[in-house]
């Protein structure tokens, strides 16, 4: 049998005024409490968020390696600048393929990541005919369908199928 690891607690110290100025959501959490328990973000990712709130920069390597986790945390706590930086890093580091297009599109739509959404839709537009054959739209919410139709019609206007990546 496996023993459960004891859950460790990491304490970060922060100035309430800085947190409140930088993140309304985190600011609201620490408004009436001397200490706040953050259990839904890993210690390493929250360290990046707090470092950013204090004017620090997340290294390119950490940003690339943890982009989605940073986007998730920044989105959850309303740290818009960090979210945008992480999204730009994710777009740069991600190669959109037919296998990943819909997952990336759904993630972008769910997290309101316009740059990632545009990148996926450009891929679909550039590969319109092949995309229509290879992509499954089964789990795509109706709110995303107009974007897909526009991208696919652009692909048809420009000839589509110029390049494909798998």
Protein backbone atom coordinates (compact mmCIF):
# COMPACT_ATOMS: atom_id res chain seq x y z
CA UNK A 1 0.00 0.00 0.00
CA UNK A 2 1.04 3.55 -0.59
CA UNK A 3 1.32 6.09 2.13
CA UNK A 4 -0.30 9.43 1.46
CA UNK A 5 2.10 12.31 1.34
CA UNK A 6 1.59 14.84 4.08
CA UNK A 7 0.26 18.02 2.60
CA UNK A 8 2.77 20.81 3.04
CA UNK A 9 1.83 24.43 3.38
CA UNK A 10 3.81 27.25 1.86
CA UNK A 11 3.36 30.72 3.25
CA UNK A 12 3.79 33.77 1.07
CA UNK A 13 3.92 37.19 2.61
CA UNK A 14 2.45 40.07 0.65
CA UNK A 15 1.38 43.62 1.20
CA UNK A 16 -2.38 43.92 1.13
CA UNK A 17 -2.26 47.26 -0.73
CA UNK A 18 -0.10 45.82 -3.54
CA UNK A 19 -2.29 42.74 -3.91
CA UNK A 20 -5.48 44.81 -3.90
CA UNK A 21 -4.08 47.25 -6.47
CA UNK A 22 -2.87 44.46 -8.78
CA UNK A 23 -5.71 41.96 -8.53
CA UNK A 24 -9.21 42.90 -7.48
CA UNK A 25 -10.07 39.24 -6.91
CA UNK A 26 -7.08 38.47 -4.69
CA UNK A 27 -7.53 41.86 -3.06
CA UNK A 28 -11.08 40.98 -2.13
CA UNK A 29 -9.92 37.66 -0.64
CA UNK A 30 -7.42 39.33 1.65
CA UNK A 31 -9.60 42.32 2.48
CA UNK A 32 -10.85 41.00 5.78
CA UNK A 33 -8.43 38.16 6.51
CA UNK A 34 -4.88 38.32 7.84
CA UNK A 35 -4.07 35.14 5.93
CA UNK A 36 -5.70 33.56 2.92
CA UNK A 37 -5.53 29.91 1.94
CA UNK A 38 -5.05 29.32 -1.80
CA UNK A 39 -5.63 25.64 -2.52
CA UNK A 40 -6.56 25.66 -6.19
CA UNK A 41 -3.21 26.78 -7.63
CA UNK A 42 0.12 25.03 -7.20
CA UNK A 43 2.75 26.71 -5.06
CA UNK A 44 5.10 27.23 -8.02
CA UNK A 45 2.42 28.83 -10.17
CA UNK A 46 1.15 31.06 -7.37
CA UNK A 47 4.76 32.13 -6.74
CA UNK A 48 4.86 33.32 -10.38
CA UNK A 49 1.56 35.20 -9.94
CA UNK A 50 2.76 36.93 -6.78
CA UNK A 51 6.15 37.73 -8.32
CA UNK A 52 4.33 39.32 -11.28
CA UNK A 53 2.10 41.36 -8.95
CA UNK A 54 5.26 42.84 -7.44
CA UNK A 55 6.54 43.88 -10.87
CA UNK A 56 8.64 40.80 -11.59
CA UNK A 57 8.84 38.95 -14.88
CA UNK A 58 8.27 35.24 -15.30
CA UNK A 59 11.24 33.72 -17.12
CA UNK A 60 10.68 32.70 -20.73
CA UNK A 61 11.50 29.10 -19.81
CA UNK A 62 8.96 28.98 -16.95
CA UNK A 63 6.39 30.79 -19.07
CA UNK A 64 6.81 28.30 -21.91
CA UNK A 65 6.75 25.28 -19.61
CA UNK A 66 3.77 26.39 -17.50
CA UNK A 67 1.82 28.67 -19.86
CA UNK A 68 -1.58 27.00 -19.44
CA UNK A 69 -1.25 26.77 -15.65
CA UNK A 70 -0.25 30.43 -15.51
CA UNK A 71 -3.16 31.38 -17.79
CA UNK A 72 -5.54 29.41 -15.55
CA UNK A 73 -4.28 31.10 -12.36
CA UNK A 74 -4.08 34.58 -13.90
CA UNK A 75 -7.59 34.18 -15.31
CA UNK A 76 -8.96 32.94 -12.00
CA UNK A 77 -7.44 35.84 -10.04
CA UNK A 78 -7.86 38.58 -12.63
CA UNK A 79 -4.19 39.25 -13.37
CA UNK A 80 -4.78 40.32 -16.96
CA UNK A 81 -1.25 41.34 -17.95
CA UNK A 82 0.22 38.02 -16.81
CA UNK A 83 -2.54 36.13 -18.60
CA UNK A 84 -1.80 37.95 -21.86
CA UNK A 85 1.95 37.30 -21.55
CA UNK A 86 1.34 33.61 -20.86
CA UNK A 87 -1.07 33.39 -23.79
CA UNK A 88 1.50 34.96 -26.14
CA UNK A 89 4.08 32.46 -24.90
CA UNK A 90 1.64 29.57 -25.39
CA UNK A 91 0.87 30.66 -28.96
CA UNK A 92 4.58 30.95 -29.76
CA UNK A 93 5.37 27.53 -28.28
CA UNK A 94 2.37 25.66 -29.70
CA UNK A 95 2.16 24.12 -33.13
CA UNK A 96 -1.49 23.80 -34.09
CA UNK A 97 -2.30 20.48 -35.76
CA UNK A 98 -5.51 18.75 -36.73
CA UNK A 99 -5.16 16.66 -33.57
CA UNK A 100 -4.85 19.71 -31.30
CA UNK A 101 -6.92 22.37 -33.08
CA UNK A 102 -10.31 21.77 -31.44
CA UNK A 103 -8.85 21.30 -27.93
CA UNK A 104 -6.89 24.53 -28.31
CA UNK A 105 -9.95 26.32 -29.69
CA UNK A 106 -12.12 25.17 -26.79
CA UNK A 107 -9.45 26.15 -24.27
CA UNK A 108 -9.06 29.57 -25.91
CA UNK A 109 -12.81 30.11 -25.91
CA UNK A 110 -13.18 28.99 -22.29
CA UNK A 111 -10.38 31.24 -21.04
CA UNK A 112 -11.17 34.14 -23.38
CA UNK A 113 -7.76 33.92 -25.07
CA UNK A 114 -8.27 35.89 -28.28
CA UNK A 115 -4.75 35.40 -29.66
CA UNK A 116 -4.87 31.62 -29.27
CA UNK A 117 -8.36 31.51 -30.75
CA UNK A 118 -7.23 33.57 -33.73
CA UNK A 119 -4.22 31.29 -34.24
CA UNK A 120 -6.39 28.18 -34.30
CA UNK A 121 -8.95 29.77 -36.59
CA UNK A 122 -6.17 30.89 -38.96
CA UNK A 123 -4.93 27.28 -39.06
CA UNK A 124 -8.45 26.10 -39.89
CA UNK A 125 -8.83 28.81 -42.55
CA UNK A 126 -5.48 27.89 -44.11
CA UNK A 127 -6.50 24.21 -44.21
CA UNK A 128 -10.26 24.57 -44.83
CA UNK A 129 -11.06 21.54 -46.95
CA UNK A 130 -8.84 19.18 -45.00
CA UNK A 131 -10.08 20.64 -41.71
CA UNK A 132 -13.67 19.91 -42.70
CA UNK A 133 -12.72 16.26 -43.20
CA UNK A 134 -10.37 15.76 -40.25
CA UNK A 135 -11.80 17.83 -37.41
CA UNK A 136 -14.55 16.58 -35.12
CA UNK A 137 -17.02 19.26 -34.08
CA UNK A 138 -18.97 16.93 -31.78
CA UNK A 139 -18.04 18.70 -28.52
CA UNK A 140 -17.86 22.23 -29.89
CA UNK A 141 -20.37 24.54 -28.18
CA UNK A 142 -22.77 26.46 -30.36
CA UNK A 143 -21.12 29.75 -29.36
CA UNK A 144 -17.94 28.72 -31.22
CA UNK A 145 -19.62 27.50 -34.43
CA UNK A 146 -19.86 30.98 -36.06
CA UNK A 147 -16.08 31.42 -35.63
CA UNK A 148 -15.46 28.03 -37.22
CA UNK A 149 -17.79 28.70 -40.13
CA UNK A 150 -16.13 32.04 -40.80
CA UNK A 151 -12.67 30.47 -40.70
CA UNK A 152 -13.69 27.63 -42.98
CA UNK A 153 -15.36 29.97 -45.47
CA UNK A 154 -12.18 32.10 -45.53
CA UNK A 155 -10.25 28.93 -46.27
CA UNK A 156 -12.52 28.22 -49.20
CA UNK A 157 -12.15 31.78 -50.54
CA UNK A 158 -8.36 31.54 -50.51
CA UNK A 159 -8.29 28.00 -51.81
CA UNK A 160 -7.60 26.36 -48.43
CA UNK A 161 -5.41 23.34 -48.11
CA UNK A 162 -2.24 25.32 -48.74
CA UNK A 163 -0.34 23.46 -46.05
CA UNK A 164 -1.20 20.95 -43.43
CA UNK A 165 0.49 19.80 -40.29
CA UNK A 166 -0.11 16.56 -38.51
